[in-house]
Amino acid sequence: MFRFYFKCTNCSAEFTIETDPQNSDYVVESGATRNFEPWRAEDAKAERQRRKREFEEMGDALKSLENKTLDFKREMDNLATLDELKSLKSRQSAVGFEAMLEDLHCNSC
């Protein structure tokens, strides 16, 4: 761990930051506040959910099977949505720029 001392370029106030290389993070010790980083909250929430799920599945084979089934269903739904998006994109790319302009010109007459 390393501790860094900085001075603000605007007001010359000193602030201290301590690094945490193991977690690729840092802690503001004094003189400043850390900006809110939304991905940290999302990562922490996902980690809590993962731990909760592992704890539930630890002694319950039925719960484990149920979670695997739900994961498979979610994955199949995602693949179906992806297929729909791909087909929509292919239909949209089949219409050329010139054809759209021509259609607009004919409709305005």
PDB file of N, CA and C in Angstrom:
ATOM      1  N   MET A   1       0.841  -1.176   0.000  1.00  0.00           N
ATOM      2  CA  MET A   1       0.000   0.000   0.000  1.00  0.00           C
ATOM      3  C   MET A   1       0.889   1.244   0.000  1.00  0.00           C
ATOM      4  N   PHE A   2       0.444   2.232  -0.747  1.00  0.00           N
ATOM      5  CA  PHE A   2       1.170   3.482  -0.826  1.00  0.00           C
ATOM      6  C   PHE A   2       0.236   4.617  -0.407  1.00  0.00           C
ATOM      7  N   ARG A   3       0.810   5.612   0.195  1.00  0.00           N
ATOM      8  CA  ARG A   3       0.033   6.788   0.604  1.00  0.00           C
ATOM      9  C   ARG A   3       0.597   7.982  -0.158  1.00  0.00           C
ATOM     10  N   PHE A   4      -0.305   8.729  -0.782  1.00  0.00           N
ATOM     11  CA  PHE A   4       0.100   9.902  -1.554  1.00  0.00           C
ATOM     12  C   PHE A   4      -0.499  11.154  -0.934  1.00  0.00           C
ATOM     13  N   TYR A   5       0.295  12.191  -0.891  1.00  0.00           N
ATOM     14  CA  TYR A   5      -0.146  13.491  -0.398  1.00  0.00           C
ATOM     15  C   TYR A   5      -0.160  14.446  -1.585  1.00  0.00           C
ATOM     16  N   PHE A   6      -1.279  15.119  -1.785  1.00  0.00           N
ATOM     17  CA  PHE A   6      -1.420  16.064  -2.893  1.00  0.00           C
ATOM     18  C   PHE A   6      -1.877  17.401  -2.358  1.00  0.00           C
ATOM     19  N   LYS A   7      -1.660  18.436  -3.166  1.00  0.00           N
ATOM     20  CA  LYS A   7      -2.203  19.758  -2.876  1.00  0.00           C
ATOM     21  C   LYS A   7      -3.099  20.160  -4.028  1.00  0.00           C
ATOM     22  N   CYS A   8      -4.242  20.685  -3.693  1.00  0.00           N
ATOM     23  CA  CYS A   8      -5.191  21.153  -4.692  1.00  0.00           C
ATOM     24  C   CYS A   8      -4.581  22.329  -5.455  1.00  0.00           C
ATOM     25  N   THR A   9      -4.739  22.329  -6.765  1.00  0.00           N
ATOM     26  CA  THR A   9      -4.168  23.416  -7.573  1.00  0.00           C
ATOM     27  C   THR A   9      -4.966  24.701  -7.439  1.00  0.00           C
ATOM     28  N   ASN A  10      -6.226  24.594  -6.995  1.00  0.00           N
ATOM     29  CA  ASN A  10      -7.057  25.797  -6.858  1.00  0.00           C
ATOM     30  C   ASN A  10      -6.908  26.470  -5.496  1.00  0.00           C
ATOM     31  N   CYS A  11      -6.933  25.652  -4.422  1.00  0.00           N
ATOM     32  CA  CYS A  11      -6.954  26.257  -3.083  1.00  0.00           C
ATOM     33  C   CYS A  11      -5.763  25.865  -2.217  1.00  0.00           C
ATOM     34  N   SER A  12      -4.865  25.038  -2.719  1.00  0.00           N
ATOM     35  CA  SER A  12      -3.671  24.580  -2.004  1.00  0.00           C
ATOM     36  C   SER A  12      -3.981  23.750  -0.764  1.00  0.00           C
ATOM     37  N   ALA A  13      -5.195  23.238  -0.662  1.00  0.00           N
ATOM     38  CA  ALA A  13      -5.538  22.359   0.450  1.00  0.00           C
ATOM     39  C   ALA A  13      -4.904  20.988   0.205  1.00  0.00           C
ATOM     40  N   GLU A  14      -4.471  20.346   1.285  1.00  0.00           N
ATOM     41  CA  GLU A  14      -3.824  19.047   1.160  1.00  0.00           C
ATOM     42  C   GLU A  14      -4.850  17.926   1.308  1.00  0.00           C
ATOM     43  N   PHE A  15      -4.713  16.886   0.486  1.00  0.00           N
ATOM     44  CA  PHE A  15      -5.541  15.695   0.647  1.00  0.00           C
ATOM     45  C   PHE A  15      -4.663  14.467   0.500  1.00  0.00           C
ATOM     46  N   THR A  16      -5.109  13.393   1.153  1.00  0.00           N
ATOM     47  CA  THR A  16      -4.322  12.167   1.230  1.00  0.00           C
ATOM     48  C   THR A  16      -5.094  11.011   0.636  1.00  0.00           C
ATOM     49  N   ILE A  17      -4.397  10.223  -0.187  1.00  0.00           N
ATOM     50  CA  ILE A  17      -4.998   9.041  -0.815  1.00  0.00           C
ATOM     51  C   ILE A  17      -4.109   7.845  -0.515  1.00  0.00           C
ATOM     52  N   GLU A  18      -4.749   6.749  -0.090  1.00  0.00           N
ATOM     53  CA  GLU A  18      -4.015   5.508   0.151  1.00  0.00           C
ATOM     54  C   GLU A  18      -4.455   4.486  -0.892  1.00  0.00           C
ATOM     55  N   THR A  19      -3.498   3.848  -1.540  1.00  0.00           N
ATOM     56  CA  THR A  19      -3.820   2.885  -2.597  1.00  0.00           C
ATOM     57  C   THR A  19      -4.096   1.515  -1.997  1.00  0.00           C
ATOM     58  N   ASP A  20      -4.847   0.724  -2.756  1.00  0.00           N
ATOM     59  CA  ASP A  20      -5.144  -0.659  -2.402  1.00  0.00           C
ATOM     60  C   ASP A  20      -4.885  -1.505  -3.651  1.00  0.00           C
ATOM     61  N   PRO A  21      -3.608  -1.850  -3.926  1.00  0.00           N
ATOM     62  CA  PRO A  21      -3.273  -2.554  -5.168  1.00  0.00           C
ATOM     63  C   PRO A  21      -3.922  -3.926  -5.292  1.00  0.00           C
ATOM     64  N   GLN A  22      -4.187  -4.578  -4.171  1.00  0.00           N
ATOM     65  CA  GLN A  22      -4.793  -5.908  -4.218  1.00  0.00           C
ATOM     66  C   GLN A  22      -6.162  -5.860  -4.875  1.00  0.00           C
ATOM     67  N   ASN A  23      -6.932  -4.813  -4.615  1.00  0.00           N
ATOM     68  CA  ASN A  23      -8.273  -4.666  -5.188  1.00  0.00           C
ATOM     69  C   ASN A  23      -8.317  -3.642  -6.307  1.00  0.00           C
ATOM     70  N   SER A  24      -7.158  -3.150  -6.740  1.00  0.00           N
ATOM     71  CA  SER A  24      -7.073  -2.108  -7.769  1.00  0.00           C
ATOM     72  C   SER A  24      -7.973  -0.931  -7.409  1.00  0.00           C
ATOM     73  N   ASP A  25      -7.778  -0.409  -6.223  1.00  0.00           N
ATOM     74  CA  ASP A  25      -8.641   0.633  -5.698  1.00  0.00           C
ATOM     75  C   ASP A  25      -7.803   1.622  -4.894  1.00  0.00           C
ATOM     76  N   TYR A  26      -8.460   2.637  -4.376  1.00  0.00           N
ATOM     77  CA  TYR A  26      -7.812   3.594  -3.497  1.00  0.00           C
ATOM     78  C   TYR A  26      -8.838   4.085  -2.479  1.00  0.00           C
ATOM     79  N   VAL A  27      -8.320   4.646  -1.386  1.00  0.00           N
ATOM     80  CA  VAL A  27      -9.168   5.201  -0.343  1.00  0.00           C
ATOM     81  C   VAL A  27      -8.720   6.631  -0.111  1.00  0.00           C
ATOM     82  N   VAL A  28      -9.676   7.558  -0.105  1.00  0.00           N
ATOM     83  CA  VAL A  28      -9.363   8.944   0.225  1.00  0.00           C
ATOM     84  C   VAL A  28      -9.355   9.036   1.739  1.00  0.00           C
ATOM     85  N   GLU A  29      -8.191   9.313   2.315  1.00  0.00           N
ATOM     86  CA  GLU A  29      -8.072   9.340   3.772  1.00  0.00           C
ATOM     87  C   GLU A  29      -8.537  10.654   4.363  1.00  0.00           C
ATOM     88  N   SER A  30      -8.129  11.771   3.758  1.00  0.00           N
ATOM     89  CA  SER A  30      -8.530  13.056   4.319  1.00  0.00           C
ATOM     90  C   SER A  30      -8.445  14.145   3.266  1.00  0.00           C
ATOM     91  N   GLY A  31      -9.225  15.185   3.482  1.00  0.00           N
ATOM     92  CA  GLY A  31      -9.138  16.373   2.660  1.00  0.00           C
ATOM     93  C   GLY A  31      -9.930  16.364   1.372  1.00  0.00           C
ATOM     94  N   ALA A  32     -10.586  15.265   1.051  1.00  0.00           N
ATOM     95  CA  ALA A  32     -11.346  15.194  -0.202  1.00  0.00           C
ATOM     96  C   ALA A  32     -12.458  14.164  -0.048  1.00  0.00           C
ATOM     97  N   THR A  33     -13.341  14.148  -1.023  1.00  0.00           N
ATOM     98  CA  THR A  33     -14.371  13.111  -1.069  1.00  0.00           C
ATOM     99  C   THR A  33     -14.277  12.423  -2.421  1.00  0.00           C
ATOM    100  N   ARG A  34     -14.582  11.176  -2.413  1.00  0.00           N
ATOM    101  CA  ARG A  34     -14.512  10.393  -3.643  1.00  0.00           C
ATOM    102  C   ARG A  34     -15.794  10.603  -4.443  1.00  0.00           C
ATOM    103  N   ASN A  35     -15.653  10.729  -5.757  1.00  0.00           N
ATOM    104  CA  ASN A  35     -16.819  10.844  -6.629  1.00  0.00           C
ATOM    105  C   ASN A  35     -17.612   9.547  -6.600  1.00  0.00           C
ATOM    106  N   PHE A  36     -18.906   9.657  -6.819  1.00  0.00           N
ATOM    107  CA  PHE A  36     -19.754   8.468  -6.881  1.00  0.00           C
ATOM    108  C   PHE A  36     -19.465   7.740  -8.185  1.00  0.00           C
ATOM    109  N   GLU A  37     -19.215   6.447  -8.076  1.00  0.00           N
ATOM    110  CA  GLU A  37     -18.933   5.627  -9.250  1.00  0.00           C
ATOM    111  C   GLU A  37     -20.020   4.562  -9.327  1.00  0.00           C
ATOM    112  N   PRO A  38     -20.985   4.720 -10.240  1.00  0.00           N
ATOM    113  CA  PRO A  38     -22.153   3.826 -10.263  1.00  0.00           C
ATOM    114  C   PRO A  38     -21.806   2.363 -10.490  1.00  0.00           C
ATOM    115  N   TRP A  39     -20.715   2.087 -11.196  1.00  0.00           N
ATOM    116  CA  TRP A  39     -20.380   0.682 -11.442  1.00  0.00           C
ATOM    117  C   TRP A  39     -19.971  -0.016 -10.157  1.00  0.00           C
ATOM    118  N   ARG A  40     -19.476   0.719  -9.172  1.00  0.00           N
ATOM    119  CA  ARG A  40     -19.128   0.099  -7.891  1.00  0.00           C
ATOM    120  C   ARG A  40     -20.376  -0.436  -7.204  1.00  0.00           C
ATOM    121  N   ALA A  41     -21.438   0.350  -7.199  1.00  0.00           N
ATOM    122  CA  ALA A  41     -22.681  -0.087  -6.565  1.00  0.00           C
ATOM    123  C   ALA A  41     -23.251  -1.295  -7.301  1.00  0.00           C
ATOM    124  N   GLU A  42     -23.194  -1.274  -8.632  1.00  0.00           N
ATOM    125  CA  GLU A  42     -23.702  -2.394  -9.419  1.00  0.00           C
ATOM    126  C   GLU A  42     -22.877  -3.653  -9.166  1.00  0.00           C
ATOM    127  N   ASP A  43     -21.555  -3.503  -9.107  1.00  0.00           N
ATOM    128  CA  ASP A  43     -20.686  -4.651  -8.850  1.00  0.00           C
ATOM    129  C   ASP A  43     -20.950  -5.235  -7.465  1.00  0.00           C
ATOM    130  N   ALA A  44     -21.111  -4.362  -6.482  1.00  0.00           N
ATOM    131  CA  ALA A  44     -21.373  -4.835  -5.123  1.00  0.00           C
ATOM    132  C   ALA A  44     -22.718  -5.557  -5.047  1.00  0.00           C
ATOM    133  N   LYS A  45     -23.720  -5.024  -5.732  1.00  0.00           N
ATOM    134  CA  LYS A  45     -25.039  -5.661  -5.736  1.00  0.00           C
ATOM    135  C   LYS A  45     -24.975  -7.036  -6.403  1.00  0.00           C
ATOM    136  N   ALA A  46     -24.276  -7.119  -7.522  1.00  0.00           N
ATOM    137  CA  ALA A  46     -24.145  -8.399  -8.226  1.00  0.00           C
ATOM    138  C   ALA A  46     -23.404  -9.416  -7.364  1.00  0.00           C
ATOM    139  N   GLU A  47     -22.386  -8.960  -6.654  1.00  0.00           N
ATOM    140  CA  GLU A  47     -21.631  -9.860  -5.779  1.00  0.00           C
ATOM    141  C   GLU A  47     -22.493 -10.362  -4.625  1.00  0.00           C
ATOM    142  N   ARG A  48     -23.310  -9.474  -4.040  1.00  0.00           N
ATOM    143  CA  ARG A  48     -24.223  -9.899  -2.960  1.00  0.00           C
ATOM    144  C   ARG A  48     -25.224 -10.924  -3.474  1.00  0.00           C
ATOM    145  N   GLN A  49     -25.763 -10.687  -4.669  1.00  0.00           N
ATOM    146  CA  GLN A  49     -26.723 -11.629  -5.241  1.00  0.00           C
ATOM    147  C   GLN A  49     -26.066 -12.982  -5.526  1.00  0.00           C
ATOM    148  N   ARG A  50     -24.828 -12.957  -6.017  1.00  0.00           N
ATOM    149  CA  ARG A  50     -24.120 -14.196  -6.303  1.00  0.00           C
ATOM    150  C   ARG A  50     -23.885 -14.989  -5.020  1.00  0.00           C
ATOM    151  N   ARG A  51     -23.452 -14.295  -3.957  1.00  0.00           N
ATOM    152  CA  ARG A  51     -23.221 -14.973  -2.678  1.00  0.00           C
ATOM    153  C   ARG A  51     -24.517 -15.543  -2.110  1.00  0.00           C
ATOM    154  N   LYS A  52     -25.588 -14.760  -2.215  1.00  0.00           N
ATOM    155  CA  LYS A  52     -26.881 -15.222  -1.704  1.00  0.00           C
ATOM    156  C   LYS A  52     -27.319 -16.483  -2.453  1.00  0.00           C
ATOM    157  N   ARG A  53     -27.156 -16.460  -3.753  1.00  0.00           N
ATOM    158  CA  ARG A  53     -27.548 -17.607  -4.568  1.00  0.00           C
ATOM    159  C   ARG A  53     -26.718 -18.841  -4.222  1.00  0.00           C
ATOM    160  N   GLU A  54     -25.403 -18.659  -4.076  1.00  0.00           N
ATOM    161  CA  GLU A  54     -24.542 -19.775  -3.700  1.00  0.00           C
ATOM    162  C   GLU A  54     -24.930 -20.342  -2.343  1.00  0.00           C
ATOM    163  N   PHE A  55     -25.267 -19.462  -1.401  1.00  0.00           N
ATOM    164  CA  PHE A  55     -25.660 -19.907  -0.070  1.00  0.00           C
ATOM    165  C   PHE A  55     -26.959 -20.711  -0.128  1.00  0.00           C
ATOM    166  N   GLU A  56     -27.927 -20.228  -0.949  1.00  0.00           N
ATOM    167  CA  GLU A  56     -29.198 -20.942  -1.095  1.00  0.00           C
ATOM    168  C   GLU A  56     -28.994 -22.313  -1.725  1.00  0.00           C
ATOM    169  N   GLU A  57     -28.094 -22.380  -2.708  1.00  0.00           N
ATOM    170  CA  GLU A  57     -27.885 -23.623  -3.443  1.00  0.00           C
ATOM    171  C   GLU A  57     -27.010 -24.625  -2.690  1.00  0.00           C
ATOM    172  N   MET A  58     -26.310 -24.167  -1.669  1.00  0.00           N
ATOM    173  CA  MET A  58     -25.325 -25.005  -1.004  1.00  0.00           C
ATOM    174  C   MET A  58     -25.923 -26.334  -0.513  1.00  0.00           C
ATOM    175  N   GLY A  59     -27.050 -26.307   0.128  1.00  0.00           N
ATOM    176  CA  GLY A  59     -27.605 -27.537   0.662  1.00  0.00           C
ATOM    177  C   GLY A  59     -28.876 -27.989  -0.032  1.00  0.00           C
ATOM    178  N   ASP A  60     -29.286 -27.283  -1.061  1.00  0.00           N
ATOM    179  CA  ASP A  60     -30.577 -27.566  -1.687  1.00  0.00           C
ATOM    180  C   ASP A  60     -30.385 -27.849  -3.184  1.00  0.00           C
ATOM    181  N   ALA A  61     -30.404 -29.123  -3.540  1.00  0.00           N
ATOM    182  CA  ALA A  61     -30.207 -29.512  -4.937  1.00  0.00           C
ATOM    183  C   ALA A  61     -31.369 -29.051  -5.809  1.00  0.00           C
ATOM    184  N   LEU A  62     -32.576 -29.031  -5.241  1.00  0.00           N
ATOM    185  CA  LEU A  62     -33.747 -28.592  -6.008  1.00  0.00           C
ATOM    186  C   LEU A  62     -33.636 -27.102  -6.355  1.00  0.00           C
ATOM    187  N   LYS A  63     -33.186 -26.305  -5.404  1.00  0.00           N
ATOM    188  CA  LYS A  63     -33.012 -24.871  -5.656  1.00  0.00           C
ATOM    189  C   LYS A  63     -31.932 -24.651  -6.718  1.00  0.00           C
ATOM    190  N   SER A  64     -30.882 -25.433  -6.666  1.00  0.00           N
ATOM    191  CA  SER A  64     -29.812 -25.346  -7.655  1.00  0.00           C
ATOM    192  C   SER A  64     -30.339 -25.654  -9.052  1.00  0.00           C
ATOM    193  N   LEU A  65     -31.123 -26.722  -9.157  1.00  0.00           N
ATOM    194  CA  LEU A  65     -31.709 -27.093 -10.445  1.00  0.00           C
ATOM    195  C   LEU A  65     -32.670 -26.012 -10.939  1.00  0.00           C
ATOM    196  N   GLU A  66     -33.448 -25.453 -10.036  1.00  0.00           N
ATOM    197  CA  GLU A  66     -34.391 -24.391 -10.400  1.00  0.00           C
ATOM    198  C   GLU A  66     -33.644 -23.172 -10.929  1.00  0.00           C
ATOM    199  N   ASN A  67     -32.549 -22.789 -10.266  1.00  0.00           N
ATOM    200  CA  ASN A  67     -31.756 -21.634 -10.723  1.00  0.00           C
ATOM    201  C   ASN A  67     -31.122 -21.895 -12.077  1.00  0.00           C
ATOM    202  N   LYS A  68     -30.632 -23.114 -12.293  1.00  0.00           N
ATOM    203  CA  LYS A  68     -30.047 -23.445 -13.589  1.00  0.00           C
ATOM    204  C   LYS A  68     -31.098 -23.394 -14.694  1.00  0.00           C
ATOM    205  N   THR A  69     -32.305 -23.856 -14.382  1.00  0.00           N
ATOM    206  CA  THR A  69     -33.397 -23.814 -15.361  1.00  0.00           C
ATOM    207  C   THR A  69     -33.756 -22.365 -15.694  1.00  0.00           C
ATOM    208  N   LEU A  70     -33.830 -21.514 -14.673  1.00  0.00           N
ATOM    209  CA  LEU A  70     -34.127 -20.095 -14.908  1.00  0.00           C
ATOM    210  C   LEU A  70     -33.021 -19.421 -15.724  1.00  0.00           C
ATOM    211  N   ASP A  71     -31.759 -19.774 -15.435  1.00  0.00           N
ATOM    212  CA  ASP A  71     -30.644 -19.229 -16.213  1.00  0.00           C
ATOM    213  C   ASP A  71     -30.747 -19.637 -17.675  1.00  0.00           C
ATOM    214  N   PHE A  72     -31.073 -20.901 -17.914  1.00  0.00           N
ATOM    215  CA  PHE A  72     -31.204 -21.403 -19.276  1.00  0.00           C
ATOM    216  C   PHE A  72     -32.346 -20.691 -20.006  1.00  0.00           C
ATOM    217  N   LYS A  73     -33.476 -20.507 -19.316  1.00  0.00           N
ATOM    218  CA  LYS A  73     -34.621 -19.810 -19.918  1.00  0.00           C
ATOM    219  C   LYS A  73     -34.253 -18.359 -20.249  1.00  0.00           C
ATOM    220  N   ARG A  74     -33.553 -17.699 -19.326  1.00  0.00           N
ATOM    221  CA  ARG A  74     -33.137 -16.311 -19.552  1.00  0.00           C
ATOM    222  C   ARG A  74     -32.197 -16.228 -20.753  1.00  0.00           C
ATOM    223  N   GLU A  75     -31.277 -17.192 -20.854  1.00  0.00           N
ATOM    224  CA  GLU A  75     -30.348 -17.206 -21.974  1.00  0.00           C
ATOM    225  C   GLU A  75     -31.080 -17.437 -23.298  1.00  0.00           C
ATOM    226  N   MET A  76     -32.060 -18.333 -23.308  1.00  0.00           N
ATOM    227  CA  MET A  76     -32.837 -18.584 -24.527  1.00  0.00           C
ATOM    228  C   MET A  76     -33.636 -17.342 -24.922  1.00  0.00           C
ATOM    229  N   ASP A  77     -34.201 -16.637 -23.936  1.00  0.00           N
ATOM    230  CA  ASP A  77     -34.924 -15.394 -24.224  1.00  0.00           C
ATOM    231  C   ASP A  77     -33.985 -14.347 -24.818  1.00  0.00           C
ATOM    232  N   ASN A  78     -32.786 -14.261 -24.261  1.00  0.00           N
ATOM    233  CA  ASN A  78     -31.801 -13.307 -24.788  1.00  0.00           C
ATOM    234  C   ASN A  78     -31.413 -13.647 -26.221  1.00  0.00           C
ATOM    235  N   LEU A  79     -31.244 -14.930 -26.507  1.00  0.00           N
ATOM    236  CA  LEU A  79     -30.903 -15.340 -27.873  1.00  0.00           C
ATOM    237  C   LEU A  79     -32.045 -15.038 -28.844  1.00  0.00           C
ATOM    238  N   ALA A  80     -33.287 -15.235 -28.399  1.00  0.00           N
ATOM    239  CA  ALA A  80     -34.438 -14.918 -29.250  1.00  0.00           C
ATOM    240  C   ALA A  80     -34.496 -13.421 -29.533  1.00  0.00           C
ATOM    241  N   THR A  81     -34.255 -12.616 -28.517  1.00  0.00           N
ATOM    242  CA  THR A  81     -34.242 -11.163 -28.696  1.00  0.00           C
ATOM    243  C   THR A  81     -33.119 -10.750 -29.647  1.00  0.00           C
ATOM    244  N   LEU A  82     -31.969 -11.373 -29.493  1.00  0.00           N
ATOM    245  CA  LEU A  82     -30.844 -11.083 -30.376  1.00  0.00           C
ATOM    246  C   LEU A  82     -31.176 -11.438 -31.820  1.00  0.00           C
ATOM    247  N   ASP A  83     -31.835 -12.573 -32.027  1.00  0.00           N
ATOM    248  CA  ASP A  83     -32.258 -12.961 -33.377  1.00  0.00           C
ATOM    249  C   ASP A  83     -33.219 -11.933 -33.973  1.00  0.00           C
ATOM    250  N   GLU A  84     -34.165 -11.474 -33.158  1.00  0.00           N
ATOM    251  CA  GLU A  84     -35.115 -10.462 -33.632  1.00  0.00           C
ATOM    252  C   GLU A  84     -34.389  -9.182 -34.037  1.00  0.00           C
ATOM    253  N   LEU A  85     -33.441  -8.763 -33.227  1.00  0.00           N
ATOM    254  CA  LEU A  85     -32.688  -7.545 -33.536  1.00  0.00           C
ATOM    255  C   LEU A  85     -31.862  -7.701 -34.807  1.00  0.00           C
ATOM    256  N   LYS A  86     -31.270  -8.879 -34.982  1.00  0.00           N
ATOM    257  CA  LYS A  86     -30.494  -9.122 -36.203  1.00  0.00           C
ATOM    258  C   LYS A  86     -31.378  -9.081 -37.437  1.00  0.00           C
ATOM    259  N   SER A  87     -32.564  -9.702 -37.359  1.00  0.00           N
ATOM    260  CA  SER A  87     -33.448  -9.692 -38.529  1.00  0.00           C
ATOM    261  C   SER A  87     -33.955  -8.280 -38.811  1.00  0.00           C
ATOM    262  N   LEU A  88     -34.241  -7.509 -37.766  1.00  0.00           N
ATOM    263  CA  LEU A  88     -34.679  -6.122 -37.946  1.00  0.00           C
ATOM    264  C   LEU A  88     -33.574  -5.310 -38.611  1.00  0.00           C
ATOM    265  N   LYS A  89     -32.348  -5.497 -38.153  1.00  0.00           N
ATOM    266  CA  LYS A  89     -31.225  -4.760 -38.740  1.00  0.00           C
ATOM    267  C   LYS A  89     -31.036  -5.148 -40.204  1.00  0.00           C
ATOM    268  N   SER A  90     -31.179  -6.425 -40.526  1.00  0.00           N
ATOM    269  CA  SER A  90     -30.997  -6.834 -41.919  1.00  0.00           C
ATOM    270  C   SER A  90     -32.099  -6.259 -42.805  1.00  0.00           C
ATOM    271  N   ARG A  91     -33.327  -6.185 -42.263  1.00  0.00           N
ATOM    272  CA  ARG A  91     -34.412  -5.573 -43.050  1.00  0.00           C
ATOM    273  C   ARG A  91     -34.163  -4.088 -43.255  1.00  0.00           C
ATOM    274  N   GLN A  92     -33.660  -3.414 -42.215  1.00  0.00           N
ATOM    275  CA  GLN A  92     -33.408  -1.983 -42.326  1.00  0.00           C
ATOM    276  C   GLN A  92     -32.232  -1.698 -43.254  1.00  0.00           C
ATOM    277  N   SER A  93     -31.244  -2.567 -43.254  1.00  0.00           N
ATOM    278  CA  SER A  93     -30.081  -2.322 -44.114  1.00  0.00           C
ATOM    279  C   SER A  93     -30.403  -2.617 -45.581  1.00  0.00           C
ATOM    280  N   ALA A  94     -31.479  -3.372 -45.847  1.00  0.00           N
ATOM    281  CA  ALA A  94     -31.859  -3.676 -47.221  1.00  0.00           C
ATOM    282  C   ALA A  94     -32.409  -2.426 -47.913  1.00  0.00           C
ATOM    283  N   VAL A  95     -32.925  -1.492 -47.136  1.00  0.00           N
ATOM    284  CA  VAL A  95     -33.444  -0.247 -47.701  1.00  0.00           C
ATOM    285  C   VAL A  95     -32.275   0.721 -47.814  1.00  0.00           C
ATOM    286  N   GLY A  96     -31.969   1.129 -49.029  1.00  0.00           N
ATOM    287  CA  GLY A  96     -30.837   2.013 -49.261  1.00  0.00           C
ATOM    288  C   GLY A  96     -31.195   3.474 -49.064  1.00  0.00           C
ATOM    289  N   PHE A  97     -30.178   4.284 -48.935  1.00  0.00           N
ATOM    290  CA  PHE A  97     -30.334   5.712 -48.739  1.00  0.00           C
ATOM    291  C   PHE A  97     -31.027   6.359 -49.946  1.00  0.00           C
ATOM    292  N   GLU A  98     -30.605   5.965 -51.128  1.00  0.00           N
ATOM    293  CA  GLU A  98     -31.193   6.519 -52.352  1.00  0.00           C
ATOM    294  C   GLU A  98     -32.679   6.181 -52.448  1.00  0.00           C
ATOM    295  N   ALA A  99     -33.049   4.954 -52.081  1.00  0.00           N
ATOM    296  CA  ALA A  99     -34.451   4.541 -52.140  1.00  0.00           C
ATOM    297  C   ALA A  99     -35.298   5.353 -51.165  1.00  0.00           C
ATOM    298  N   MET A 100     -34.745   5.647 -49.997  1.00  0.00           N
ATOM    299  CA  MET A 100     -35.489   6.455 -49.016  1.00  0.00           C
ATOM    300  C   MET A 100     -35.697   7.873 -49.547  1.00  0.00           C
ATOM    301  N   LEU A 101     -34.650   8.464 -50.130  1.00  0.00           N
ATOM    302  CA  LEU A 101     -34.779   9.812 -50.669  1.00  0.00           C
ATOM    303  C   LEU A 101     -35.794   9.856 -51.813  1.00  0.00           C
ATOM    304  N   GLU A 102     -35.757   8.855 -52.666  1.00  0.00           N
ATOM    305  CA  GLU A 102     -36.695   8.781 -53.786  1.00  0.00           C
ATOM    306  C   GLU A 102     -38.127   8.653 -53.279  1.00  0.00           C
ATOM    307  N   ASP A 103     -38.313   7.839 -52.270  1.00  0.00           N
ATOM    308  CA  ASP A 103     -39.646   7.652 -51.694  1.00  0.00           C
ATOM    309  C   ASP A 103     -40.155   8.949 -51.069  1.00  0.00           C
ATOM    310  N   LEU A 104     -39.281   9.666 -50.384  1.00  0.00           N
ATOM    311  CA  LEU A 104     -39.659  10.937 -49.783  1.00  0.00           C
ATOM    312  C   LEU A 104     -40.023  11.956 -50.862  1.00  0.00           C
ATOM    313  N   HIS A 105     -39.260  11.962 -51.933  1.00  0.00           N
ATOM    314  CA  HIS A 105     -39.505  12.893 -53.014  1.00  0.00           C
ATOM    315  C   HIS A 105     -40.862  12.593 -53.686  1.00  0.00           C
ATOM    316  N   CYS A 106     -41.156  11.309 -53.894  1.00  0.00           N
ATOM    317  CA  CYS A 106     -42.428  10.936 -54.531  1.00  0.00           C
ATOM    318  C   CYS A 106     -43.609  11.240 -53.629  1.00  0.00           C
ATOM    319  N   ASN A 107     -43.462  11.079 -52.322  1.00  0.00           N
ATOM    320  CA  ASN A 107     -44.560  11.361 -51.380  1.00  0.00           C
ATOM    321  C   ASN A 107     -44.830  12.831 -51.237  1.00  0.00           C
ATOM    322  N   SER A 108     -43.838  13.661 -51.432  1.00  0.00           N
ATOM    323  CA  SER A 108     -44.026  15.106 -51.269  1.00  0.00           C
ATOM    324  C   SER A 108     -44.680  15.746 -52.492  1.00  0.00           C
ATOM    325  N   CYS A 109     -44.741  15.025 -53.619  1.00  0.00           N
ATOM    326  CA  CYS A 109     -45.317  15.579 -54.830  1.00  0.00           C
ATOM    327  C   CYS A 109     -46.811  15.498 -54.839  1.00  0.00           C
TER     328      CYS A 109
END
